[in-house]
N, C-alpha and C. Protein backbone atom coordinates (compact mmCIF):
# COMPACT_ATOMS: atom_id res chain seq x y z
N MET A 1 -136.08 144.56 150.59
CA MET A 1 -136.74 144.38 149.06
C MET A 1 -135.93 144.72 148.14
N GLU A 2 -134.77 145.42 147.93
CA GLU A 2 -133.63 145.76 147.03
C GLU A 2 -133.15 144.41 146.68
N SER A 3 -132.88 143.58 147.48
CA SER A 3 -132.11 142.46 147.43
C SER A 3 -132.93 141.50 146.68
N ASN A 4 -134.08 141.36 146.58
CA ASN A 4 -134.88 140.58 145.48
C ASN A 4 -135.05 141.44 144.36
N VAL A 5 -134.45 142.00 143.78
CA VAL A 5 -134.39 142.88 142.52
C VAL A 5 -133.48 142.19 141.41
N VAL A 6 -134.38 141.96 140.22
CA VAL A 6 -133.41 141.08 139.07
C VAL A 6 -132.82 142.22 137.94
N MET A 7 -131.52 141.89 138.33
CA MET A 7 -130.70 142.99 137.16
C MET A 7 -129.69 142.01 136.47
N LEU A 8 -130.08 142.01 135.30
CA LEU A 8 -129.53 141.08 134.40
C LEU A 8 -128.23 141.83 134.04
N ASN A 9 -126.98 141.44 133.29
CA ASN A 9 -125.91 141.94 132.45
C ASN A 9 -126.55 141.44 130.96
N ASN A 10 -125.70 141.95 130.12
CA ASN A 10 -126.06 141.94 128.72
C ASN A 10 -126.17 140.75 128.26
N GLU A 11 -125.09 140.16 128.85
CA GLU A 11 -124.68 138.39 128.74
C GLU A 11 -126.09 137.48 128.99
N GLU A 12 -126.27 137.75 130.40
CA GLU A 12 -127.40 137.15 131.11
C GLU A 12 -128.53 136.95 130.01
N ARG A 13 -129.06 138.55 129.83
CA ARG A 13 -129.97 138.77 129.18
C ARG A 13 -130.08 138.18 127.83
N GLU A 14 -128.98 138.18 127.21
CA GLU A 14 -128.81 137.30 125.67
C GLU A 14 -129.17 135.84 126.10
N LYS A 15 -128.63 135.38 126.89
CA LYS A 15 -128.58 133.83 126.96
C LYS A 15 -130.30 133.32 127.15
N LEU A 16 -131.07 134.09 128.02
CA LEU A 16 -132.20 134.18 128.60
C LEU A 16 -132.97 134.27 127.23
N GLU A 17 -132.94 135.15 126.37
CA GLU A 17 -133.89 135.76 125.56
C GLU A 17 -133.60 134.48 124.41
N LYS A 18 -132.38 133.96 124.25
CA LYS A 18 -132.26 132.80 123.31
C LYS A 18 -132.73 131.67 123.89
N PHE A 19 -132.38 131.42 124.92
CA PHE A 19 -133.17 130.00 125.67
C PHE A 19 -134.75 130.56 125.29
N ALA A 20 -135.53 131.43 125.70
CA ALA A 20 -136.88 131.35 125.50
C ALA A 20 -137.22 131.21 123.92
N LYS A 21 -136.40 132.11 123.09
CA LYS A 21 -137.08 131.63 121.67
C LYS A 21 -136.81 130.35 121.36
N SER A 22 -136.26 129.70 121.57
CA SER A 22 -135.90 128.41 120.86
C SER A 22 -136.94 127.45 121.68
N GLY A 23 -137.67 126.62 120.79
CA GLY A 23 -138.40 125.61 121.06
C GLY A 23 -137.69 124.40 121.41
N VAL A 24 -136.78 124.18 121.85
CA VAL A 24 -136.39 122.69 122.07
C VAL A 24 -136.19 122.64 123.69
N HIS A 25 -136.86 123.36 124.57
CA HIS A 25 -136.46 123.06 125.89
C HIS A 25 -138.26 122.80 126.36
N SER A 26 -137.92 122.31 127.73
CA SER A 26 -139.38 121.93 128.20
C SER A 26 -140.11 123.46 128.23
N ALA A 27 -141.60 123.54 128.35
CA ALA A 27 -142.09 124.71 128.54
C ALA A 27 -142.05 125.44 129.92
N MET A 28 -142.13 124.58 130.62
CA MET A 28 -141.66 125.08 131.99
C MET A 28 -140.56 125.93 132.28
N LEU A 29 -139.36 125.64 131.65
CA LEU A 29 -138.02 126.22 131.70
C LEU A 29 -138.13 127.67 130.65
N ILE A 30 -138.56 127.17 129.63
CA ILE A 30 -138.67 128.52 128.90
C ILE A 30 -139.74 129.48 129.51
N ARG A 31 -140.69 129.28 130.31
CA ARG A 31 -141.67 130.26 130.88
C ARG A 31 -140.74 130.70 132.29
N ARG A 32 -140.12 129.95 132.75
CA ARG A 32 -139.00 130.61 133.98
C ARG A 32 -138.33 131.39 133.13
N ALA A 33 -137.59 131.26 132.14
CA ALA A 33 -136.83 132.23 131.53
C ALA A 33 -137.39 133.76 130.86
N LYS A 34 -138.57 133.54 130.53
CA LYS A 34 -139.43 134.69 130.18
C LYS A 34 -139.79 135.60 131.54
N ILE A 35 -140.05 135.08 132.83
CA ILE A 35 -140.39 135.78 133.73
C ILE A 35 -139.54 136.44 134.21
N ILE A 36 -138.14 135.67 134.03
CA ILE A 36 -137.14 136.55 134.65
C ILE A 36 -136.55 137.80 133.85
N LEU A 37 -137.08 137.56 132.44
CA LEU A 37 -136.56 138.67 131.52
C LEU A 37 -137.64 139.80 132.04
N ALA A 38 -138.91 139.32 132.14
CA ALA A 38 -139.87 140.18 132.76
C ALA A 38 -139.66 141.19 134.12
N LEU A 39 -139.00 140.35 134.84
CA LEU A 39 -138.82 140.99 136.37
C LEU A 39 -137.49 141.83 136.25
N ASP A 40 -136.43 141.84 135.15
CA ASP A 40 -135.15 142.46 134.71
C ASP A 40 -135.38 143.83 135.08
N ARG A 41 -134.69 144.48 135.77
CA ARG A 41 -135.21 145.89 136.15
C ARG A 41 -133.55 146.75 135.37
N SER A 42 -132.90 146.00 134.82
CA SER A 42 -131.55 146.84 134.50
C SER A 42 -132.00 147.84 133.25
N ASN A 43 -131.49 148.91 133.21
CA ASN A 43 -131.75 149.75 132.10
C ASN A 43 -133.31 150.02 131.85
N LYS A 44 -134.02 150.03 133.05
CA LYS A 44 -135.54 150.05 132.71
C LYS A 44 -136.10 151.40 133.81
N ASN A 45 -136.87 152.10 133.32
CA ASN A 45 -137.04 153.20 134.08
C ASN A 45 -138.81 152.52 134.74
N ASP A 46 -139.35 151.94 133.22
CA ASP A 46 -140.80 151.51 133.40
C ASP A 46 -140.70 150.15 133.46
N HIS A 47 -140.56 149.53 134.59
CA HIS A 47 -140.26 148.26 134.61
C HIS A 47 -141.87 147.66 134.64
N LEU A 48 -142.15 146.15 134.52
CA LEU A 48 -143.20 145.70 134.75
C LEU A 48 -143.53 145.54 136.38
N ARG A 49 -144.86 145.61 136.77
CA ARG A 49 -145.37 145.55 138.11
C ARG A 49 -145.58 143.77 138.50
N ILE A 50 -145.01 143.31 139.63
CA ILE A 50 -145.19 141.99 139.82
C ILE A 50 -146.68 141.34 139.72
N GLY A 51 -147.81 141.98 139.93
CA GLY A 51 -148.99 141.49 139.25
C GLY A 51 -149.41 141.53 137.99
N ARG A 52 -148.78 142.37 137.02
CA ARG A 52 -148.98 142.63 135.84
C ARG A 52 -148.28 141.26 135.22
N ILE A 53 -146.87 141.11 135.79
CA ILE A 53 -146.05 139.86 135.28
C ILE A 53 -147.15 138.51 135.71
N CYS A 54 -147.63 138.34 136.79
CA CYS A 54 -148.31 137.23 137.17
C CYS A 54 -149.59 136.88 136.21
N GLU A 55 -150.16 138.20 135.87
CA GLU A 55 -151.42 138.26 135.11
C GLU A 55 -151.02 137.63 133.84
N THR A 56 -150.04 138.35 133.21
CA THR A 56 -149.69 137.66 131.66
C THR A 56 -149.04 136.23 131.49
N ASN A 57 -148.53 136.19 132.62
CA ASN A 57 -148.03 134.59 132.44
C ASN A 57 -148.50 133.54 133.29
N SER A 58 -149.99 133.85 133.59
CA SER A 58 -150.66 132.82 134.30
C SER A 58 -150.29 132.16 135.38
N ILE A 59 -149.52 133.20 136.37
CA ILE A 59 -148.91 132.27 137.79
C ILE A 59 -149.34 133.11 139.12
N SER A 60 -148.92 132.62 140.01
CA SER A 60 -149.09 133.10 141.45
C SER A 60 -147.95 133.80 141.88
N ARG A 61 -148.69 134.71 142.70
CA ARG A 61 -147.71 135.61 143.17
C ARG A 61 -146.36 134.80 143.91
N LYS A 62 -146.79 133.59 144.65
CA LYS A 62 -145.98 133.16 145.31
C LYS A 62 -144.90 132.20 144.25
N GLY A 63 -145.71 131.45 143.29
CA GLY A 63 -145.04 131.21 141.86
C GLY A 63 -143.80 132.09 141.94
N LEU A 64 -144.19 133.22 141.27
CA LEU A 64 -143.10 134.22 140.77
C LEU A 64 -142.03 134.48 141.71
N CYS A 65 -142.24 134.49 143.17
CA CYS A 65 -141.26 134.77 143.91
C CYS A 65 -140.51 133.66 144.04
N ASP A 66 -141.07 132.63 144.18
CA ASP A 66 -140.19 131.32 143.80
C ASP A 66 -139.22 131.26 142.82
N ILE A 67 -139.74 131.63 141.74
CA ILE A 67 -138.68 131.57 140.60
C ILE A 67 -137.76 132.73 140.77
N ARG A 68 -138.28 133.74 141.17
CA ARG A 68 -137.01 134.94 141.12
C ARG A 68 -136.11 134.70 142.25
N ASN A 69 -136.38 133.67 143.56
CA ASN A 69 -135.62 133.36 144.34
C ASN A 69 -134.72 132.40 143.94
N ASP A 70 -135.04 131.36 143.34
CA ASP A 70 -134.54 130.36 142.51
C ASP A 70 -133.34 131.28 141.95
N PHE A 71 -133.83 132.24 141.05
CA PHE A 71 -132.85 132.96 139.95
C PHE A 71 -131.60 133.44 140.73
N LEU A 72 -132.14 134.37 142.04
CA LEU A 72 -131.13 134.96 142.75
C LEU A 72 -130.00 134.02 143.23
N LYS A 73 -130.72 132.73 143.88
CA LYS A 73 -129.77 131.77 144.45
C LYS A 73 -128.86 131.28 143.62
N SER A 74 -129.23 130.99 142.49
CA SER A 74 -128.06 130.26 140.99
C SER A 74 -127.15 130.85 140.88
N GLN A 75 -125.97 129.82 140.65
CA GLN A 75 -124.70 130.35 140.53
C GLN A 75 -124.89 131.24 138.75
N SER A 76 -125.49 130.54 137.89
CA SER A 76 -125.56 131.40 136.93
C SER A 76 -126.65 131.02 136.34
N VAL A 77 -127.06 131.60 134.86
CA VAL A 77 -128.22 131.50 134.21
C VAL A 77 -128.21 130.00 134.08
N GLU A 78 -127.01 129.47 133.45
CA GLU A 78 -127.21 127.80 133.01
C GLU A 78 -127.74 126.93 134.23
N ASP A 79 -127.10 127.25 135.24
CA ASP A 79 -127.70 126.57 136.54
C ASP A 79 -129.05 126.46 137.01
N PHE A 80 -129.42 127.93 136.63
CA PHE A 80 -130.99 128.39 137.27
C PHE A 80 -131.64 127.37 135.83
N LEU A 81 -131.09 127.39 134.64
CA LEU A 81 -132.05 126.69 133.68
C LEU A 81 -132.02 125.38 133.58
N THR A 82 -131.61 124.78 134.43
CA THR A 82 -131.04 123.15 134.13
C THR A 82 -131.87 122.37 135.42
N ARG A 83 -132.66 121.83 134.98
CA ARG A 83 -133.41 120.93 136.08
C ARG A 83 -132.60 120.01 136.87
N LYS A 84 -132.90 120.12 138.26
CA LYS A 84 -131.94 119.57 139.20
C LYS A 84 -132.24 118.03 139.33
N GLN A 85 -131.40 117.01 139.30
CA GLN A 85 -131.92 115.89 139.47
C GLN A 85 -131.85 115.72 140.75
N ARG A 86 -133.07 114.63 140.95
CA ARG A 86 -132.93 114.13 142.64
C ARG A 86 -131.99 113.12 143.03
N GLU A 87 -131.56 113.29 144.12
CA GLU A 87 -130.47 112.53 144.72
C GLU A 87 -131.15 111.09 145.05
N THR A 88 -132.17 111.21 145.63
CA THR A 88 -133.01 109.93 146.30
C THR A 88 -134.18 109.94 145.59
N PRO A 89 -134.80 108.79 145.41
CA PRO A 89 -136.06 108.53 144.85
C PRO A 89 -137.05 109.13 145.76
N PRO A 90 -138.53 109.69 145.11
CA PRO A 90 -139.43 110.22 146.11
C PRO A 90 -139.70 109.37 147.14
N ILE A 91 -140.07 108.28 147.09
CA ILE A 91 -140.24 107.09 147.73
C ILE A 91 -139.28 105.72 148.13
N GLU A 92 -138.54 105.20 149.14
CA GLU A 92 -137.68 104.44 149.23
C GLU A 92 -138.23 103.11 148.76
N VAL A 93 -137.59 102.55 148.28
CA VAL A 93 -137.61 101.16 147.43
C VAL A 93 -137.92 100.33 148.43
N LYS A 94 -138.77 99.27 148.54
CA LYS A 94 -139.08 98.40 149.97
C LYS A 94 -138.46 97.07 149.55
N ILE A 95 -138.75 97.04 148.11
CA ILE A 95 -138.31 95.59 147.92
C ILE A 95 -136.48 95.40 147.37
N THR A 96 -135.68 94.97 148.13
CA THR A 96 -134.66 95.11 147.79
C THR A 96 -134.16 93.69 147.57
N GLY A 97 -132.96 93.48 147.21
CA GLY A 97 -132.57 91.92 146.59
C GLY A 97 -132.93 91.09 147.31
N GLU A 98 -132.63 91.36 148.91
CA GLU A 98 -132.73 90.29 150.10
C GLU A 98 -134.61 90.07 150.02
N VAL A 99 -135.10 91.00 149.94
CA VAL A 99 -136.57 90.65 150.18
C VAL A 99 -137.29 90.08 148.91
N GLU A 100 -136.94 90.45 147.63
CA GLU A 100 -137.29 89.78 146.46
C GLU A 100 -136.39 88.09 146.51
N ALA A 101 -135.37 88.22 146.87
CA ALA A 101 -135.08 86.76 147.20
C ALA A 101 -136.22 85.90 148.26
N HIS A 102 -136.36 86.41 148.89
CA HIS A 102 -137.32 85.64 150.13
C HIS A 102 -138.92 85.46 149.70
N VAL A 103 -139.29 86.53 148.93
CA VAL A 103 -140.38 86.48 148.30
C VAL A 103 -140.61 85.06 147.25
N VAL A 104 -139.36 85.15 146.26
CA VAL A 104 -139.29 84.22 145.54
C VAL A 104 -139.48 82.99 146.11
N ALA A 105 -138.55 82.56 147.19
CA ALA A 105 -138.02 81.52 147.76
C ALA A 105 -139.67 80.87 148.33
N LEU A 106 -140.35 81.98 148.82
CA LEU A 106 -141.86 81.71 149.77
C LEU A 106 -142.52 81.21 148.34
N ALA A 107 -142.66 81.77 147.17
CA ALA A 107 -143.42 81.61 146.18
C ALA A 107 -143.04 79.83 145.41
N CYS A 108 -141.95 79.51 145.93
CA CYS A 108 -141.64 77.84 145.59
C CYS A 108 -141.67 77.04 145.98
N SER A 109 -141.87 77.30 147.43
CA SER A 109 -141.81 76.64 148.47
C SER A 109 -143.52 76.20 148.74
N ASN A 110 -143.99 75.01 149.48
CA ASN A 110 -145.37 74.51 149.73
C ASN A 110 -146.27 75.71 150.20
N PRO A 111 -147.46 75.69 149.70
CA PRO A 111 -148.11 76.53 150.52
C PRO A 111 -148.61 76.54 151.89
N PRO A 112 -149.18 77.44 152.36
CA PRO A 112 -149.48 77.10 153.68
C PRO A 112 -150.45 76.29 154.04
N GLU A 113 -150.95 75.48 155.05
CA GLU A 113 -151.63 74.44 155.37
C GLU A 113 -153.14 75.02 155.17
N GLY A 114 -153.78 74.23 154.39
CA GLY A 114 -155.48 74.68 154.33
C GLY A 114 -155.47 75.35 152.89
N CYS A 115 -154.27 75.53 152.29
CA CYS A 115 -154.47 76.46 150.88
C CYS A 115 -153.71 75.48 149.87
N ALA A 116 -154.41 75.75 148.79
CA ALA A 116 -153.85 74.72 147.62
C ALA A 116 -152.62 75.26 146.94
N ARG A 117 -152.46 76.68 146.82
CA ARG A 117 -151.54 77.39 146.27
C ARG A 117 -151.36 78.81 146.91
N TRP A 118 -150.22 79.38 146.41
CA TRP A 118 -149.85 80.41 147.26
C TRP A 118 -150.58 81.16 146.34
N THR A 119 -151.08 82.53 146.93
CA THR A 119 -151.65 83.77 145.98
C THR A 119 -150.53 84.93 146.13
N VAL A 120 -150.68 85.77 145.50
CA VAL A 120 -150.05 87.18 145.53
C VAL A 120 -150.40 87.99 147.13
N ARG A 121 -151.55 87.61 147.65
CA ARG A 121 -152.34 88.16 148.95
C ARG A 121 -151.47 87.37 149.67
N LEU A 122 -151.42 86.24 149.93
CA LEU A 122 -150.89 85.36 150.72
C LEU A 122 -149.29 85.44 150.89
N LEU A 123 -148.53 85.84 149.80
CA LEU A 123 -147.34 85.70 149.73
C LEU A 123 -147.05 87.19 150.73
N ALA A 124 -147.65 88.33 150.05
CA ALA A 124 -147.24 89.59 150.77
C ALA A 124 -147.69 89.54 152.01
N ASP A 125 -148.76 89.02 152.33
CA ASP A 125 -148.80 89.09 154.05
C ASP A 125 -147.56 87.85 154.86
N LYS A 126 -147.50 86.92 154.00
CA LYS A 126 -146.61 85.75 154.82
C LYS A 126 -145.37 86.81 154.94
N ALA A 127 -144.89 87.83 153.79
CA ALA A 127 -143.44 88.36 154.06
C ALA A 127 -143.37 89.17 154.98
N VAL A 128 -144.67 89.83 155.33
CA VAL A 128 -144.98 90.86 156.27
C VAL A 128 -144.55 90.28 157.83
N GLU A 129 -145.48 88.98 157.88
CA GLU A 129 -145.63 88.03 159.05
C GLU A 129 -144.08 87.60 159.08
N LEU A 130 -143.27 87.43 158.49
CA LEU A 130 -141.87 87.06 158.39
C LEU A 130 -141.05 88.12 158.78
N HIS A 131 -141.51 89.10 158.87
CA HIS A 131 -140.50 90.44 159.12
C HIS A 131 -139.33 90.52 157.90
N TYR A 132 -139.89 90.07 156.47
CA TYR A 132 -139.04 90.30 155.86
C TYR A 132 -138.80 91.97 155.34
N VAL A 133 -140.07 92.51 155.53
CA VAL A 133 -140.39 93.83 155.02
C VAL A 133 -141.50 94.55 156.10
N GLY A 134 -141.51 95.73 156.02
CA GLY A 134 -142.59 96.17 157.10
C GLY A 134 -144.23 96.24 156.67
N SER A 135 -144.13 96.41 155.25
CA SER A 135 -145.27 96.14 154.57
C SER A 135 -145.35 96.09 153.05
N LEU A 136 -146.37 95.00 152.51
CA LEU A 136 -145.95 95.03 151.23
C LEU A 136 -147.35 94.57 150.33
N SER A 137 -147.57 95.37 149.51
CA SER A 137 -148.84 95.10 148.69
C SER A 137 -148.71 93.82 147.96
N HIS A 138 -149.90 93.56 147.82
CA HIS A 138 -150.29 92.39 146.89
C HIS A 138 -149.81 92.80 145.16
N THR A 139 -149.79 93.97 145.14
CA THR A 139 -149.58 94.29 143.59
C THR A 139 -148.20 94.40 143.34
N SER A 140 -147.03 94.85 144.26
CA SER A 140 -145.94 94.50 144.50
C SER A 140 -145.31 93.16 144.23
N VAL A 141 -146.13 92.16 145.05
CA VAL A 141 -145.70 91.01 144.80
C VAL A 141 -145.91 90.62 143.28
N ASN A 142 -146.84 91.00 142.87
CA ASN A 142 -147.51 90.46 141.52
C ASN A 142 -146.30 91.02 140.43
N GLN A 143 -145.89 92.09 140.72
CA GLN A 143 -145.16 92.90 139.59
C GLN A 143 -143.61 92.21 139.86
N LEU A 144 -143.00 91.69 140.92
CA LEU A 144 -142.02 90.99 141.16
C LEU A 144 -142.07 89.67 140.94
N LEU A 145 -143.19 88.89 140.67
CA LEU A 145 -143.19 87.66 140.11
C LEU A 145 -142.71 87.71 138.79
N LYS A 146 -143.89 89.04 137.84
CA LYS A 146 -143.99 88.83 136.50
C LYS A 146 -142.45 89.29 135.94
N LYS A 147 -141.74 90.29 136.84
CA LYS A 147 -140.38 90.44 136.13
C LYS A 147 -139.78 89.27 135.86
N ARG A 148 -139.67 88.28 137.44
CA ARG A 148 -139.07 87.11 137.53
C ARG A 148 -139.78 85.96 136.59
N ASN A 149 -140.66 86.02 136.02
CA ASN A 149 -141.47 84.93 135.18
C ASN A 149 -141.69 83.63 135.79
N ILE A 150 -142.41 84.25 137.24
CA ILE A 150 -142.62 83.32 138.03
C ILE A 150 -144.38 83.41 138.22
N SER A 151 -145.22 82.00 137.59
CA SER A 151 -146.58 81.92 137.62
C SER A 151 -146.79 80.86 138.95
N LEU A 152 -147.82 81.51 139.53
CA LEU A 152 -148.55 80.89 140.70
C LEU A 152 -149.12 79.42 140.57
N THR A 153 -149.90 79.37 139.30
CA THR A 153 -150.71 78.35 139.06
C THR A 153 -149.86 77.01 138.91
């Protein structure tokens, strides 16, 4: 349990206080700074209990523990107060340049037999049928065609 104790030195405390007082940062980061300041046990005999800190900051115990652990794992205060950039997007992009080229070529070709013209649903289904992509929605095809200023009429 002692390894989870937040002990700030004067420099760290000053940085966190300055960060929390200035309103030029996101509310989430300011809140994280305030929570670490409340968890600080250095030079304090009457530190706040975790339950009280959770109550005053409207955060769950799990959320507070996550913030504390993030702080203890970080290399510095600046590292803790900087939002981490994603290395990869949350969902991998399906429409690559190659898939886009195939869909545009389909849209410019003759429509399938029995159809007067291509529709975005037909294009999406045909792209999947021809194995250009595993799955593709008609809205994605529509966005792709709009981006390229291609009209199906």
